[in-house]
């Protein structure tokens, strides 16, 4: 199973706060039976991306090898620099446009939270 897809799937279900699909009923032991999804809540399938079928009657898509996924998908799990790291890089003069934009967004969020806290206090 692809580590990235499994991590993204578990992160998504944790963010949503509920299980993506109810467990399947136990089936008879058939030879060559296909993995249709998890057997119990919290268990992830090793052959399909559970809960990602877009249409109601459409089966879940199969998990592919890592080389069939785009490169940017693997960068989603890399930790992004914190505001302190970005400020340090800013003072050293080594920020890209995207990092600079992220720094200003984080600073703006921090300023808004502080302003809201001060308004609620008074």
PDB file of N, CA and C in Angstrom:
ATOM      1  N   UNK A   1       0.847  -1.181   0.000  1.00  0.00           N
ATOM      2  CA  UNK A   1       0.000   0.000   0.000  1.00  0.00           C
ATOM      3  C   UNK A   1       0.885   1.233   0.000  1.00  0.00           C
ATOM      4  N   UNK A   2       0.492   2.184  -0.742  1.00  0.00           N
ATOM      5  CA  UNK A   2       1.260   3.415  -0.816  1.00  0.00           C
ATOM      6  C   UNK A   2       1.174   4.163   0.506  1.00  0.00           C
ATOM      7  N   UNK A   3       2.313   4.532   1.036  1.00  0.00           N
ATOM      8  CA  UNK A   3       2.373   5.230   2.320  1.00  0.00           C
ATOM      9  C   UNK A   3       1.684   6.583   2.252  1.00  0.00           C
ATOM     10  N   UNK A   4       1.886   7.301   1.164  1.00  0.00           N
ATOM     11  CA  UNK A   4       1.307   8.637   1.039  1.00  0.00           C
ATOM     12  C   UNK A   4      -0.207   8.571   0.977  1.00  0.00           C
ATOM     13  N   UNK A   5      -0.736   7.686   0.156  1.00  0.00           N
ATOM     14  CA  UNK A   5      -2.189   7.582   0.024  1.00  0.00           C
ATOM     15  C   UNK A   5      -2.802   7.155   1.346  1.00  0.00           C
ATOM     16  N   UNK A   6      -2.180   6.205   2.035  1.00  0.00           N
ATOM     17  CA  UNK A   6      -2.696   5.768   3.329  1.00  0.00           C
ATOM     18  C   UNK A   6      -2.669   6.884   4.353  1.00  0.00           C
ATOM     19  N   UNK A   7      -1.587   7.657   4.361  1.00  0.00           N
ATOM     20  CA  UNK A   7      -1.481   8.762   5.320  1.00  0.00           C
ATOM     21  C   UNK A   7      -2.488   9.852   5.008  1.00  0.00           C
ATOM     22  N   UNK A   8      -2.651  10.173   3.714  1.00  0.00           N
ATOM     23  CA  UNK A   8      -3.637  11.197   3.341  1.00  0.00           C
ATOM     24  C   UNK A   8      -5.042  10.750   3.692  1.00  0.00           C
ATOM     25  N   UNK A   9      -5.319   9.460   3.457  1.00  0.00           N
ATOM     26  CA  UNK A   9      -6.649   8.948   3.743  1.00  0.00           C
ATOM     27  C   UNK A   9      -6.925   8.996   5.237  1.00  0.00           C
ATOM     28  N   UNK A  10      -5.950   8.601   6.062  1.00  0.00           N
ATOM     29  CA  UNK A  10      -6.179   8.614   7.502  1.00  0.00           C
ATOM     30  C   UNK A  10      -6.258  10.043   8.017  1.00  0.00           C
ATOM     31  N   UNK A  11      -5.474  10.959   7.428  1.00  0.00           N
ATOM     32  CA  UNK A  11      -5.548  12.362   7.832  1.00  0.00           C
ATOM     33  C   UNK A  11      -6.924  12.927   7.485  1.00  0.00           C
ATOM     34  N   UNK A  12      -7.440  12.600   6.296  1.00  0.00           N
ATOM     35  CA  UNK A  12      -8.751  13.096   5.875  1.00  0.00           C
ATOM     36  C   UNK A  12      -9.838  12.580   6.803  1.00  0.00           C
ATOM     37  N   UNK A  13      -9.827  11.294   7.134  1.00  0.00           N
ATOM     38  CA  UNK A  13     -10.884  10.762   7.999  1.00  0.00           C
ATOM     39  C   UNK A  13     -10.774  11.342   9.403  1.00  0.00           C
ATOM     40  N   UNK A  14      -9.554  11.671   9.846  1.00  0.00           N
ATOM     41  CA  UNK A  14      -9.402  12.301  11.159  1.00  0.00           C
ATOM     42  C   UNK A  14      -9.939  13.726  11.138  1.00  0.00           C
ATOM     43  N   UNK A  15      -9.717  14.443  10.033  1.00  0.00           N
ATOM     44  CA  UNK A  15     -10.218  15.810   9.923  1.00  0.00           C
ATOM     45  C   UNK A  15     -11.734  15.844   9.840  1.00  0.00           C
ATOM     46  N   UNK A  16     -12.292  14.922   9.102  1.00  0.00           N
ATOM     47  CA  UNK A  16     -13.738  14.889   8.935  1.00  0.00           C
ATOM     48  C   UNK A  16     -14.407  14.539  10.254  1.00  0.00           C
ATOM     49  N   UNK A  17     -13.796  13.686  11.052  1.00  0.00           N
ATOM     50  CA  UNK A  17     -14.320  13.362  12.369  1.00  0.00           C
ATOM     51  C   UNK A  17     -15.298  12.202  12.388  1.00  0.00           C
ATOM     52  N   UNK A  18     -15.481  11.543  11.290  1.00  0.00           N
ATOM     53  CA  UNK A  18     -16.326  10.361  11.284  1.00  0.00           C
ATOM     54  C   UNK A  18     -15.738   9.360  10.300  1.00  0.00           C
ATOM     55  N   UNK A  19     -16.196   8.158  10.399  1.00  0.00           N
ATOM     56  CA  UNK A  19     -15.661   7.103   9.548  1.00  0.00           C
ATOM     57  C   UNK A  19     -16.207   7.260   8.138  1.00  0.00           C
ATOM     58  N   UNK A  20     -15.347   7.014   7.165  1.00  0.00           N
ATOM     59  CA  UNK A  20     -15.750   7.204   5.784  1.00  0.00           C
ATOM     60  C   UNK A  20     -16.747   6.150   5.321  1.00  0.00           C
ATOM     61  N   UNK A  21     -16.696   4.999   5.905  1.00  0.00           N
ATOM     62  CA  UNK A  21     -17.598   3.937   5.472  1.00  0.00           C
ATOM     63  C   UNK A  21     -17.789   2.955   6.615  1.00  0.00           C
ATOM     64  N   UNK A  22     -18.989   2.412   6.710  1.00  0.00           N
ATOM     65  CA  UNK A  22     -19.269   1.394   7.723  1.00  0.00           C
ATOM     66  C   UNK A  22     -18.534   0.114   7.351  1.00  0.00           C
ATOM     67  N   UNK A  23     -18.207  -0.714   8.328  1.00  0.00           N
ATOM     68  CA  UNK A  23     -17.511  -1.960   8.011  1.00  0.00           C
ATOM     69  C   UNK A  23     -18.393  -2.900   7.196  1.00  0.00           C
ATOM     70  N   UNK A  24     -17.745  -3.716   6.397  1.00  0.00           N
ATOM     71  CA  UNK A  24     -18.466  -4.679   5.574  1.00  0.00           C
ATOM     72  C   UNK A  24     -18.873  -5.887   6.406  1.00  0.00           C
ATOM     73  N   UNK A  25     -19.971  -6.526   6.053  1.00  0.00           N
ATOM     74  CA  UNK A  25     -20.356  -7.739   6.766  1.00  0.00           C
ATOM     75  C   UNK A  25     -19.361  -8.857   6.466  1.00  0.00           C
ATOM     76  N   UNK A  26     -19.186  -9.782   7.395  1.00  0.00           N
ATOM     77  CA  UNK A  26     -18.257 -10.882   7.133  1.00  0.00           C
ATOM     78  C   UNK A  26     -18.757 -11.718   5.958  1.00  0.00           C
ATOM     79  N   UNK A  27     -17.834 -12.079   5.104  1.00  0.00           N
ATOM     80  CA  UNK A  27     -18.218 -12.876   3.943  1.00  0.00           C
ATOM     81  C   UNK A  27     -17.634 -14.276   4.080  1.00  0.00           C
ATOM     82  N   UNK A  28     -18.191 -15.179   3.316  1.00  0.00           N
ATOM     83  CA  UNK A  28     -17.685 -16.547   3.322  1.00  0.00           C
ATOM     84  C   UNK A  28     -16.288 -16.585   2.742  1.00  0.00           C
ATOM     85  N   UNK A  29     -15.534 -17.600   3.077  1.00  0.00           N
ATOM     86  CA  UNK A  29     -14.162 -17.676   2.584  1.00  0.00           C
ATOM     87  C   UNK A  29     -14.173 -18.224   1.163  1.00  0.00           C
ATOM     88  N   UNK A  30     -14.168 -17.324   0.220  1.00  0.00           N
ATOM     89  CA  UNK A  30     -14.131 -17.709  -1.188  1.00  0.00           C
ATOM     90  C   UNK A  30     -12.705 -17.538  -1.684  1.00  0.00           C
ATOM     91  N   UNK A  31     -12.259 -18.468  -2.488  1.00  0.00           N
ATOM     92  CA  UNK A  31     -10.925 -18.333  -3.053  1.00  0.00           C
ATOM     93  C   UNK A  31     -10.959 -17.225  -4.100  1.00  0.00           C
ATOM     94  N   UNK A  32      -9.949 -16.386  -4.052  1.00  0.00           N
ATOM     95  CA  UNK A  32      -9.861 -15.303  -5.027  1.00  0.00           C
ATOM     96  C   UNK A  32     -10.848 -14.183  -4.764  1.00  0.00           C
ATOM     97  N   UNK A  33     -11.367 -14.094  -3.541  1.00  0.00           N
ATOM     98  CA  UNK A  33     -12.311 -13.017  -3.256  1.00  0.00           C
ATOM     99  C   UNK A  33     -11.568 -11.685  -3.273  1.00  0.00           C
ATOM    100  N   UNK A  34     -12.234 -10.663  -3.745  1.00  0.00           N
ATOM    101  CA  UNK A  34     -11.632  -9.355  -3.912  1.00  0.00           C
ATOM    102  C   UNK A  34     -11.772  -8.543  -2.628  1.00  0.00           C
ATOM    103  N   UNK A  35     -10.746  -7.777  -2.296  1.00  0.00           N
ATOM    104  CA  UNK A  35     -10.786  -6.895  -1.133  1.00  0.00           C
ATOM    105  C   UNK A  35     -11.707  -5.726  -1.466  1.00  0.00           C
ATOM    106  N   UNK A  36     -12.840  -5.633  -0.773  1.00  0.00           N
ATOM    107  CA  UNK A  36     -13.815  -4.586  -1.072  1.00  0.00           C
ATOM    108  C   UNK A  36     -13.752  -3.434  -0.088  1.00  0.00           C
ATOM    109  N   UNK A  37     -12.948  -3.522   0.923  1.00  0.00           N
ATOM    110  CA  UNK A  37     -12.860  -2.442   1.896  1.00  0.00           C
ATOM    111  C   UNK A  37     -12.564  -2.978   3.276  1.00  0.00           C
ATOM    112  N   UNK A  38     -12.653  -2.122   4.290  1.00  0.00           N
ATOM    113  CA  UNK A  38     -12.316  -2.546   5.645  1.00  0.00           C
ATOM    114  C   UNK A  38     -13.350  -3.490   6.226  1.00  0.00           C
ATOM    115  N   UNK A  39     -12.914  -4.372   7.094  1.00  0.00           N
ATOM    116  CA  UNK A  39     -13.812  -5.318   7.747  1.00  0.00           C
ATOM    117  C   UNK A  39     -14.357  -4.766   9.058  1.00  0.00           C
ATOM    118  N   UNK A  40     -13.620  -3.858   9.695  1.00  0.00           N
ATOM    119  CA  UNK A  40     -14.106  -3.254  10.933  1.00  0.00           C
ATOM    120  C   UNK A  40     -13.705  -1.784  10.944  1.00  0.00           C
ATOM    121  N   UNK A  41     -14.333  -1.010  11.792  1.00  0.00           N
ATOM    122  CA  UNK A  41     -14.076   0.422  11.852  1.00  0.00           C
ATOM    123  C   UNK A  41     -12.638   0.662  12.279  1.00  0.00           C
ATOM    124  N   UNK A  42     -11.972   1.587  11.598  1.00  0.00           N
ATOM    125  CA  UNK A  42     -10.586   1.909  11.899  1.00  0.00           C
ATOM    126  C   UNK A  42      -9.592   1.108  11.088  1.00  0.00           C
ATOM    127  N   UNK A  43     -10.042   0.088  10.388  1.00  0.00           N
ATOM    128  CA  UNK A  43      -9.156  -0.740   9.578  1.00  0.00           C
ATOM    129  C   UNK A  43      -9.140  -0.186   8.161  1.00  0.00           C
ATOM    130  N   UNK A  44      -7.970  -0.128   7.549  1.00  0.00           N
ATOM    131  CA  UNK A  44      -7.842   0.361   6.186  1.00  0.00           C
ATOM    132  C   UNK A  44      -7.591  -0.800   5.239  1.00  0.00           C
ATOM    133  N   UNK A  45      -8.152  -0.705   4.069  1.00  0.00           N
ATOM    134  CA  UNK A  45      -7.965  -1.723   3.054  1.00  0.00           C
ATOM    135  C   UNK A  45      -6.561  -1.622   2.477  1.00  0.00           C
ATOM    136  N   UNK A  46      -6.036  -2.736   1.999  1.00  0.00           N
ATOM    137  CA  UNK A  46      -4.705  -2.735   1.399  1.00  0.00           C
ATOM    138  C   UNK A  46      -4.753  -2.714  -0.121  1.00  0.00           C
ATOM    139  N   UNK A  47      -5.947  -2.784  -0.696  1.00  0.00           N
ATOM    140  CA  UNK A  47      -6.053  -2.830  -2.150  1.00  0.00           C
ATOM    141  C   UNK A  47      -6.854  -1.685  -2.745  1.00  0.00           C
ATOM    142  N   UNK A  48      -7.740  -1.068  -1.975  1.00  0.00           N
ATOM    143  CA  UNK A  48      -8.553   0.034  -2.495  1.00  0.00           C
ATOM    144  C   UNK A  48      -8.455   1.237  -1.566  1.00  0.00           C
ATOM    145  N   UNK A  49      -8.705   2.431  -2.122  1.00  0.00           N
ATOM    146  CA  UNK A  49      -8.713   3.662  -1.334  1.00  0.00           C
ATOM    147  C   UNK A  49     -10.116   3.805  -0.766  1.00  0.00           C
ATOM    148  N   UNK A  50     -10.290   3.423   0.483  1.00  0.00           N
ATOM    149  CA  UNK A  50     -11.598   3.338   1.115  1.00  0.00           C
ATOM    150  C   UNK A  50     -12.273   4.700   1.202  1.00  0.00           C
ATOM    151  N   UNK A  51     -13.521   4.761   0.748  1.00  0.00           N
ATOM    152  CA  UNK A  51     -14.321   5.969   0.866  1.00  0.00           C
ATOM    153  C   UNK A  51     -14.062   7.007  -0.199  1.00  0.00           C
ATOM    154  N   UNK A  52     -13.336   6.674  -1.241  1.00  0.00           N
ATOM    155  CA  UNK A  52     -13.007   7.663  -2.272  1.00  0.00           C
ATOM    156  C   UNK A  52     -13.743   7.438  -3.580  1.00  0.00           C
ATOM    157  N   UNK A  53     -14.696   6.513  -3.608  1.00  0.00           N
ATOM    158  CA  UNK A  53     -15.523   6.350  -4.797  1.00  0.00           C
ATOM    159  C   UNK A  53     -16.414   7.577  -4.935  1.00  0.00           C
ATOM    160  N   UNK A  54     -16.392   8.231  -6.088  1.00  0.00           N
ATOM    161  CA  UNK A  54     -17.109   9.493  -6.239  1.00  0.00           C
ATOM    162  C   UNK A  54     -18.610   9.305  -6.409  1.00  0.00           C
ATOM    163  N   UNK A  55     -19.021   8.314  -7.139  1.00  0.00           N
ATOM    164  CA  UNK A  55     -20.441   8.085  -7.388  1.00  0.00           C
ATOM    165  C   UNK A  55     -20.972   7.049  -6.402  1.00  0.00           C
ATOM    166  N   UNK A  56     -22.272   7.041  -6.222  1.00  0.00           N
ATOM    167  CA  UNK A  56     -22.891   6.180  -5.219  1.00  0.00           C
ATOM    168  C   UNK A  56     -22.623   4.694  -5.475  1.00  0.00           C
ATOM    169  N   UNK A  57     -22.796   4.249  -6.685  1.00  0.00           N
ATOM    170  CA  UNK A  57     -22.634   2.824  -6.994  1.00  0.00           C
ATOM    171  C   UNK A  57     -21.257   2.500  -7.572  1.00  0.00           C
ATOM    172  N   UNK A  58     -20.370   3.459  -7.570  1.00  0.00           N
ATOM    173  CA  UNK A  58     -19.037   3.255  -8.116  1.00  0.00           C
ATOM    174  C   UNK A  58     -18.127   2.626  -7.062  1.00  0.00           C
ATOM    175  N   UNK A  59     -17.327   1.633  -7.419  1.00  0.00           N
ATOM    176  CA  UNK A  59     -16.412   1.037  -6.432  1.00  0.00           C
ATOM    177  C   UNK A  59     -15.266   2.000  -6.114  1.00  0.00           C
ATOM    178  N   UNK A  60     -14.634   1.774  -4.975  1.00  0.00           N
ATOM    179  CA  UNK A  60     -13.489   2.597  -4.596  1.00  0.00           C
ATOM    180  C   UNK A  60     -12.333   2.341  -5.559  1.00  0.00           C
ATOM    181  N   UNK A  61     -11.530   3.371  -5.853  1.00  0.00           N
ATOM    182  CA  UNK A  61     -10.407   3.182  -6.778  1.00  0.00           C
ATOM    183  C   UNK A  61      -9.307   2.332  -6.145  1.00  0.00           C
ATOM    184  N   UNK A  62      -8.596   1.558  -6.961  1.00  0.00           N
ATOM    185  CA  UNK A  62      -7.514   0.723  -6.415  1.00  0.00           C
ATOM    186  C   UNK A  62      -6.305   1.571  -6.024  1.00  0.00           C
ATOM    187  N   UNK A  63      -5.521   1.076  -5.073  1.00  0.00           N
ATOM    188  CA  UNK A  63      -4.274   1.738  -4.687  1.00  0.00           C
ATOM    189  C   UNK A  63      -3.223   1.370  -5.728  1.00  0.00           C
ATOM    190  N   UNK A  64      -2.566   2.383  -6.268  1.00  0.00           N
ATOM    191  CA  UNK A  64      -1.566   2.177  -7.316  1.00  0.00           C
ATOM    192  C   UNK A  64      -0.156   2.197  -6.718  1.00  0.00           C
ATOM    193  N   UNK A  65       0.824   1.750  -7.494  1.00  0.00           N
ATOM    194  CA  UNK A  65       2.220   1.874  -7.038  1.00  0.00           C
ATOM    195  C   UNK A  65       2.614   3.354  -6.943  1.00  0.00           C
ATOM    196  N   UNK A  66       3.602   3.655  -6.123  1.00  0.00           N
ATOM    197  CA  UNK A  66       4.014   5.043  -5.900  1.00  0.00           C
ATOM    198  C   UNK A  66       4.435   5.760  -7.177  1.00  0.00           C
ATOM    199  N   UNK A  67       5.033   5.041  -8.123  1.00  0.00           N
ATOM    200  CA  UNK A  67       5.530   5.707  -9.327  1.00  0.00           C
ATOM    201  C   UNK A  67       4.409   6.168 -10.259  1.00  0.00           C
ATOM    202  N   UNK A  68       3.171   5.771 -10.021  1.00  0.00           N
ATOM    203  CA  UNK A  68       2.049   6.205 -10.852  1.00  0.00           C
ATOM    204  C   UNK A  68       1.373   7.469 -10.319  1.00  0.00           C
ATOM    205  N   UNK A  69       1.798   7.962  -9.162  1.00  0.00           N
ATOM    206  CA  UNK A  69       1.234   9.176  -8.584  1.00  0.00           C
ATOM    207  C   UNK A  69       2.123  10.367  -8.936  1.00  0.00           C
ATOM    208  N   UNK A  70       1.558  11.572  -9.020  1.00  0.00           N
ATOM    209  CA  UNK A  70       2.379  12.748  -9.338  1.00  0.00           C
ATOM    210  C   UNK A  70       3.341  13.090  -8.197  1.00  0.00           C
ATOM    211  N   UNK A  71       4.434  13.753  -8.546  1.00  0.00           N
ATOM    212  CA  UNK A  71       5.476  14.081  -7.565  1.00  0.00           C
ATOM    213  C   UNK A  71       4.962  14.996  -6.459  1.00  0.00           C
ATOM    214  N   UNK A  72       4.062  15.939  -6.786  1.00  0.00           N
ATOM    215  CA  UNK A  72       3.592  16.903  -5.787  1.00  0.00           C
ATOM    216  C   UNK A  72       2.817  16.227  -4.663  1.00  0.00           C
ATOM    217  N   UNK A  73       2.259  15.049  -4.918  1.00  0.00           N
ATOM    218  CA  UNK A  73       1.486  14.351  -3.898  1.00  0.00           C
ATOM    219  C   UNK A  73       2.359  13.968  -2.703  1.00  0.00           C
ATOM    220  N   UNK A  74       3.602  13.613  -2.965  1.00  0.00           N
ATOM    221  CA  UNK A  74       4.499  13.192  -1.896  1.00  0.00           C
ATOM    222  C   UNK A  74       4.983  14.380  -1.065  1.00  0.00           C
ATOM    223  N   UNK A  75       4.903  15.581  -1.624  1.00  0.00           N
ATOM    224  CA  UNK A  75       5.325  16.778  -0.892  1.00  0.00           C
ATOM    225  C   UNK A  75       4.257  17.250   0.084  1.00  0.00           C
ATOM    226  N   UNK A  76       3.040  16.746  -0.009  1.00  0.00           N
ATOM    227  CA  UNK A  76       1.965  17.174   0.882  1.00  0.00           C
ATOM    228  C   UNK A  76       2.220  16.777   2.333  1.00  0.00           C
ATOM    229  N   UNK A  77       2.946  15.691   2.537  1.00  0.00           N
ATOM    230  CA  UNK A  77       3.198  15.217   3.895  1.00  0.00           C
ATOM    231  C   UNK A  77       4.446  15.820   4.527  1.00  0.00           C
ATOM    232  N   UNK A  78       5.232  16.563   3.740  1.00  0.00           N
ATOM    233  CA  UNK A  78       6.422  17.200   4.295  1.00  0.00           C
ATOM    234  C   UNK A  78       5.991  18.356   5.193  1.00  0.00           C
ATOM    235  N   UNK A  79       6.614  18.504   6.369  1.00  0.00           N
ATOM    236  CA  UNK A  79       6.226  19.612   7.253  1.00  0.00           C
ATOM    237  C   UNK A  79       6.618  20.952   6.641  1.00  0.00           C
ATOM    238  N   UNK A  80       5.715  21.919   6.754  1.00  0.00           N
ATOM    239  CA  UNK A  80       5.989  23.254   6.237  1.00  0.00           C
ATOM    240  C   UNK A  80       6.685  24.066   7.324  1.00  0.00           C
ATOM    241  N   UNK A  81       7.508  25.047   6.948  1.00  0.00           N
ATOM    242  CA  UNK A  81       8.214  25.832   7.960  1.00  0.00           C
ATOM    243  C   UNK A  81       7.249  26.641   8.823  1.00  0.00           C
ATOM    244  N   UNK A  82       7.584  26.762  10.096  1.00  0.00           N
ATOM    245  CA  UNK A  82       6.753  27.514  11.032  1.00  0.00           C
ATOM    246  C   UNK A  82       6.997  29.006  10.837  1.00  0.00           C
ATOM    247  N   UNK A  83       6.194  29.809  11.543  1.00  0.00           N
ATOM    248  CA  UNK A  83       6.332  31.260  11.409  1.00  0.00           C
ATOM    249  C   UNK A  83       7.699  31.728  11.903  1.00  0.00           C
ATOM    250  N   UNK A  84       8.213  31.102  12.956  1.00  0.00           N
ATOM    251  CA  UNK A  84       9.539  31.495  13.476  1.00  0.00           C
ATOM    252  C   UNK A  84      10.644  31.144  12.482  1.00  0.00           C
ATOM    253  N   UNK A  85      10.530  29.977  11.859  1.00  0.00           N
ATOM    254  CA  UNK A  85      11.519  29.592  10.854  1.00  0.00           C
ATOM    255  C   UNK A  85      11.454  30.527   9.655  1.00  0.00           C
ATOM    256  N   UNK A  86      10.231  30.891   9.246  1.00  0.00           N
ATOM    257  CA  UNK A  86      10.072  31.802   8.113  1.00  0.00           C
ATOM    258  C   UNK A  86      10.623  33.189   8.440  1.00  0.00           C
ATOM    259  N   UNK A  87      10.396  33.663   9.664  1.00  0.00           N
ATOM    260  CA  UNK A  87      10.937  34.967  10.060  1.00  0.00           C
ATOM    261  C   UNK A  87      12.462  34.950  10.051  1.00  0.00           C
ATOM    262  N   UNK A  88      13.041  33.856  10.525  1.00  0.00           N
ATOM    263  CA  UNK A  88      14.501  33.728  10.526  1.00  0.00           C
ATOM    264  C   UNK A  88      15.032  33.744   9.091  1.00  0.00           C
ATOM    265  N   UNK A  89      14.372  33.002   8.211  1.00  0.00           N
ATOM    266  CA  UNK A  89      14.784  32.977   6.806  1.00  0.00           C
ATOM    267  C   UNK A  89      14.591  34.348   6.156  1.00  0.00           C
ATOM    268  N   UNK A  90      13.549  35.078   6.575  1.00  0.00           N
ATOM    269  CA  UNK A  90      13.275  36.406   6.024  1.00  0.00           C
ATOM    270  C   UNK A  90      14.401  37.373   6.383  1.00  0.00           C
ATOM    271  N   UNK A  91      14.846  37.328   7.635  1.00  0.00           N
ATOM    272  CA  UNK A  91      15.922  38.220   8.065  1.00  0.00           C
ATOM    273  C   UNK A  91      17.252  37.853   7.411  1.00  0.00           C
ATOM    274  N   UNK A  92      17.406  36.589   7.058  1.00  0.00           N
ATOM    275  CA  UNK A  92      18.615  36.161   6.344  1.00  0.00           C
ATOM    276  C   UNK A  92      18.502  36.462   4.857  1.00  0.00           C
ATOM    277  N   UNK A  93      17.288  36.757   4.383  1.00  0.00           N
ATOM    278  CA  UNK A  93      17.082  37.138   2.985  1.00  0.00           C
ATOM    279  C   UNK A  93      16.941  35.977   2.027  1.00  0.00           C
ATOM    280  N   UNK A  94      16.457  34.830   2.487  1.00  0.00           N
ATOM    281  CA  UNK A  94      16.360  33.680   1.604  1.00  0.00           C
ATOM    282  C   UNK A  94      14.973  33.102   1.470  1.00  0.00           C
ATOM    283  N   UNK A  95      13.966  33.934   1.189  1.00  0.00           N
ATOM    284  CA  UNK A  95      12.597  33.437   1.037  1.00  0.00           C
ATOM    285  C   UNK A  95      12.163  33.475  -0.421  1.00  0.00           C
ATOM    286  N   UNK A  96      11.447  32.438  -0.820  1.00  0.00           N
ATOM    287  CA  UNK A  96      10.829  32.463  -2.142  1.00  0.00           C
ATOM    288  C   UNK A  96       9.530  33.255  -2.036  1.00  0.00           C
ATOM    289  N   UNK A  97       8.899  33.507  -3.168  1.00  0.00           N
ATOM    290  CA  UNK A  97       7.647  34.263  -3.176  1.00  0.00           C
ATOM    291  C   UNK A  97       6.568  33.505  -2.407  1.00  0.00           C
ATOM    292  N   UNK A  98       6.499  32.189  -2.587  1.00  0.00           N
ATOM    293  CA  UNK A  98       5.496  31.382  -1.877  1.00  0.00           C
ATOM    294  C   UNK A  98       5.729  31.413  -0.371  1.00  0.00           C
ATOM    295  N   UNK A  99       6.992  31.307   0.041  1.00  0.00           N
ATOM    296  CA  UNK A  99       7.302  31.346   1.474  1.00  0.00           C
ATOM    297  C   UNK A  99       7.004  32.715   2.068  1.00  0.00           C
ATOM    298  N   UNK A 100       7.295  33.773   1.310  1.00  0.00           N
ATOM    299  CA  UNK A 100       6.998  35.126   1.780  1.00  0.00           C
ATOM    300  C   UNK A 100       5.492  35.324   1.930  1.00  0.00           C
ATOM    301  N   UNK A 101       4.740  34.837   0.963  1.00  0.00           N
ATOM    302  CA  UNK A 101       3.276  34.922   1.034  1.00  0.00           C
ATOM    303  C   UNK A 101       2.756  34.161   2.254  1.00  0.00           C
ATOM    304  N   UNK A 102       3.311  32.982   2.498  1.00  0.00           N
ATOM    305  CA  UNK A 102       2.885  32.197   3.662  1.00  0.00           C
ATOM    306  C   UNK A 102       3.242  32.906   4.961  1.00  0.00           C
ATOM    307  N   UNK A 103       4.406  33.536   5.022  1.00  0.00           N
ATOM    308  CA  UNK A 103       4.806  34.285   6.211  1.00  0.00           C
ATOM    309  C   UNK A 103       3.811  35.402   6.497  1.00  0.00           C
ATOM    310  N   UNK A 104       3.443  36.175   5.489  1.00  0.00           N
ATOM    311  CA  UNK A 104       2.515  37.290   5.715  1.00  0.00           C
ATOM    312  C   UNK A 104       1.128  36.790   6.073  1.00  0.00           C
ATOM    313  N   UNK A 105       0.721  35.680   5.502  1.00  0.00           N
ATOM    314  CA  UNK A 105      -0.587  35.116   5.874  1.00  0.00           C
ATOM    315  C   UNK A 105      -0.588  34.666   7.336  1.00  0.00           C
ATOM    316  N   UNK A 106       0.474  33.998   7.757  1.00  0.00           N
ATOM    317  CA  UNK A 106       0.562  33.546   9.147  1.00  0.00           C
ATOM    318  C   UNK A 106       0.616  34.729  10.109  1.00  0.00           C
ATOM    319  N   UNK A 107       1.367  35.772   9.734  1.00  0.00           N
ATOM    320  CA  UNK A 107       1.439  36.962  10.584  1.00  0.00           C
ATOM    321  C   UNK A 107       0.072  37.645  10.664  1.00  0.00           C
ATOM    322  N   UNK A 108      -0.644  37.682   9.550  1.00  0.00           N
ATOM    323  CA  UNK A 108      -1.973  38.295   9.529  1.00  0.00           C
ATOM    324  C   UNK A 108      -2.942  37.508  10.410  1.00  0.00           C
ATOM    325  N   UNK A 109      -2.903  36.183  10.323  1.00  0.00           N
ATOM    326  CA  UNK A 109      -3.756  35.348  11.178  1.00  0.00           C
ATOM    327  C   UNK A 109      -3.447  35.590  12.650  1.00  0.00           C
ATOM    328  N   UNK A 110      -2.158  35.668  12.964  1.00  0.00           N
ATOM    329  CA  UNK A 110      -1.740  35.908  14.342  1.00  0.00           C
ATOM    330  C   UNK A 110      -2.255  37.266  14.832  1.00  0.00           C
ATOM    331  N   UNK A 111      -2.148  38.285  13.979  1.00  0.00           N
ATOM    332  CA  UNK A 111      -2.619  39.624  14.333  1.00  0.00           C
ATOM    333  C   UNK A 111      -4.127  39.640  14.551  1.00  0.00           C
ATOM    334  N   UNK A 112      -4.879  38.951  13.696  1.00  0.00           N
ATOM    335  CA  UNK A 112      -6.340  38.894  13.823  1.00  0.00           C
ATOM    336  C   UNK A 112      -6.736  38.176  15.109  1.00  0.00           C
ATOM    337  N   UNK A 113      -6.072  37.058  15.414  1.00  0.00           N
ATOM    338  CA  UNK A 113      -6.383  36.326  16.648  1.00  0.00           C
ATOM    339  C   UNK A 113      -6.115  37.184  17.877  1.00  0.00           C
ATOM    340  N   UNK A 114      -5.000  37.897  17.865  1.00  0.00           N
ATOM    341  CA  UNK A 114      -4.679  38.762  18.998  1.00  0.00           C
ATOM    342  C   UNK A 114      -5.704  39.890  19.126  1.00  0.00           C
ATOM    343  N   UNK A 115      -6.103  40.464  17.997  1.00  0.00           N
ATOM    344  CA  UNK A 115      -7.104  41.533  18.011  1.00  0.00           C
ATOM    345  C   UNK A 115      -8.441  41.022  18.541  1.00  0.00           C
ATOM    346  N   UNK A 116      -8.852  39.852  18.092  1.00  0.00           N
ATOM    347  CA  UNK A 116     -10.115  39.267  18.566  1.00  0.00           C
ATOM    348  C   UNK A 116     -10.050  38.952  20.057  1.00  0.00           C
ATOM    349  N   UNK A 117      -8.903  38.483  20.523  1.00  0.00           N
ATOM    350  CA  UNK A 117      -8.737  38.193  21.942  1.00  0.00           C
ATOM    351  C   UNK A 117      -8.864  39.471  22.770  1.00  0.00           C
ATOM    352  N   UNK A 118      -8.238  40.547  22.293  1.00  0.00           N
ATOM    353  CA  UNK A 118      -8.295  41.815  23.021  1.00  0.00           C
ATOM    354  C   UNK A 118      -9.715  42.392  23.011  1.00  0.00           C
ATOM    355  N   UNK A 119     -10.445  42.220  21.905  1.00  0.00           N
ATOM    356  CA  UNK A 119     -11.834  42.695  21.836  1.00  0.00           C
ATOM    357  C   UNK A 119     -12.718  41.912  22.796  1.00  0.00           C
ATOM    358  N   UNK A 120     -12.491  40.617  22.885  1.00  0.00           N
ATOM    359  CA  UNK A 120     -13.308  39.771  23.762  1.00  0.00           C
ATOM    360  C   UNK A 120     -13.005  40.064  25.227  1.00  0.00           C
ATOM    361  N   UNK A 121     -11.789  40.459  25.518  1.00  0.00           N
ATOM    362  CA  UNK A 121     -11.383  40.748  26.885  1.00  0.00           C
ATOM    363  C   UNK A 121     -12.029  42.031  27.405  1.00  0.00           C
ATOM    364  N   UNK A 122     -12.157  43.035  26.536  1.00  0.00           N
ATOM    365  CA  UNK A 122     -12.690  44.326  26.991  1.00  0.00           C
ATOM    366  C   UNK A 122     -14.184  44.438  26.856  1.00  0.00           C
TER     367      UNK A 122
END
